Protein backbone atom coordinates (compact mmCIF):
# COMPACT_ATOMS: atom_id res chain seq x y z
CA UNK A 1 -1.01 2.43 -8.40
CA UNK A 2 1.10 4.22 -10.79
CA UNK A 3 4.11 5.05 -9.58
CA UNK A 4 4.13 8.68 -9.82
CA UNK A 5 1.19 9.06 -7.63
CA UNK A 6 1.80 10.07 -3.80
CA UNK A 7 -1.78 10.45 -2.04
CA UNK A 8 -4.51 7.49 -3.41
CA UNK A 9 -8.41 8.53 -2.27
CA UNK A 10 -11.00 5.57 -2.86
CA UNK A 11 -14.27 6.34 -2.67
CA UNK A 12 -15.71 3.08 -3.97
CA UNK A 13 -19.21 1.91 -2.74
CA UNK A 14 -17.41 -2.19 -3.29
CA UNK A 15 -14.21 -4.06 -2.80
CA UNK A 16 -11.42 -2.67 -4.52
CA UNK A 17 -7.90 -4.19 -4.78
CA UNK A 18 -5.03 -2.04 -4.77
CA UNK A 19 -1.79 -3.83 -5.67
CA UNK A 20 1.76 -1.03 -5.68
CA UNK A 21 4.30 -0.94 -7.99
CA UNK A 22 7.48 -2.47 -7.67
CA UNK A 23 10.27 -1.25 -5.66
CA UNK A 24 13.98 -1.28 -7.47
CA UNK A 25 17.02 0.19 -5.96
CA UNK A 26 16.03 3.66 -7.58
CA UNK A 27 13.15 3.86 -6.58
CA UNK A 28 13.85 2.41 -2.46
CA UNK A 29 12.00 4.94 -0.18
CA UNK A 30 9.16 5.68 -2.30
CA UNK A 31 5.64 6.57 0.36
CA UNK A 32 1.95 6.38 -0.81
CA UNK A 33 -0.60 7.66 1.24
CA UNK A 34 -3.73 6.18 1.26
CA UNK A 35 -7.10 6.39 2.40
CA UNK A 36 -10.81 4.78 2.19
CA UNK A 37 -13.33 7.64 1.71
CA UNK A 38 -15.89 5.16 -0.47
CA UNK A 39 -17.70 2.27 1.42
CA UNK A 40 -16.34 -1.02 -0.08
CA UNK A 41 -12.66 -1.75 2.13
CA UNK A 42 -10.27 -1.84 -0.24
CA UNK A 43 -7.23 -4.06 0.13
CA UNK A 44 -4.31 -3.39 -0.20
CA UNK A 45 -1.05 -5.58 -1.25
CA UNK A 46 2.59 -5.59 -3.01
CA UNK A 47 3.33 -6.13 -6.08
CA UNK A 48 3.35 -9.79 -7.75
CA UNK A 49 6.28 -11.69 -7.64
CA UNK A 50 8.32 -9.09 -6.36
CA UNK A 51 7.73 -7.55 -2.01
CA UNK A 52 4.84 -9.37 -1.92
CA UNK A 53 4.54 -8.80 2.25
CA UNK A 54 3.00 -4.88 3.96
CA UNK A 55 5.27 -5.57 7.71
CA UNK A 56 5.14 -9.69 7.16
CA UNK A 57 1.67 -9.89 6.07
CA UNK A 58 0.70 -10.56 2.71
CA UNK A 59 -2.12 -7.87 2.81
CA UNK A 60 -3.18 -4.93 4.55
CA UNK A 61 -7.77 -4.57 4.51
CA UNK A 62 -9.00 -0.02 5.10
CA UNK A 63 -12.57 0.26 5.72
CA UNK A 64 -13.99 3.35 4.71
CA UNK A 65 -12.42 6.33 6.69
CA UNK A 66 -8.77 3.77 7.34
CA UNK A 67 -5.99 5.19 6.08
CA UNK A 68 -1.99 3.65 5.50
CA UNK A 69 0.99 5.72 4.89
CA UNK A 70 3.70 2.96 3.46
CA UNK A 71 7.20 3.37 2.49
CA UNK A 72 8.91 0.76 0.11
CA UNK A 73 12.53 -0.44 1.78
CA UNK A 74 15.93 -2.70 0.53
CA UNK A 75 16.27 -6.07 3.18
CA UNK A 76 19.63 -7.65 3.15
CA UNK A 77 18.28 -9.25 0.17
CA UNK A 78 15.26 -8.04 -1.33
CA UNK A 79 12.84 -4.99 -0.97
CA UNK A 80 9.49 -4.70 1.36
CA UNK A 81 6.83 -2.22 2.09
CA UNK A 82 7.04 -1.02 5.24
CA UNK A 83 3.28 0.91 7.27
CA UNK A 84 4.27 3.87 8.55
CA UNK A 85 1.37 4.72 10.24
CA UNK A 86 -1.56 3.49 9.87
CA UNK A 87 -5.71 4.76 10.55
CA UNK A 88 -7.95 2.93 11.98
CA UNK A 89 -11.81 4.01 12.79
């Protein structure tokens, strides 16, 4: 997932891993809406070596029809991805 993306739609027949970009003080508050319309599961992860958690979880799986809206937030030390909304079919 690129920093300039806002809405990401996956339509894959096989599994896919989507890595969120690194959160910094310059882009904290950035939001992404991600939807999976394909039959393959999309595994959403935080950026390697930085914010490795999405609502305190290592990954978030999106099956066909699932969608999520996430926002990068600042913590006392570091950053994390926060789930704002999640729709599970």
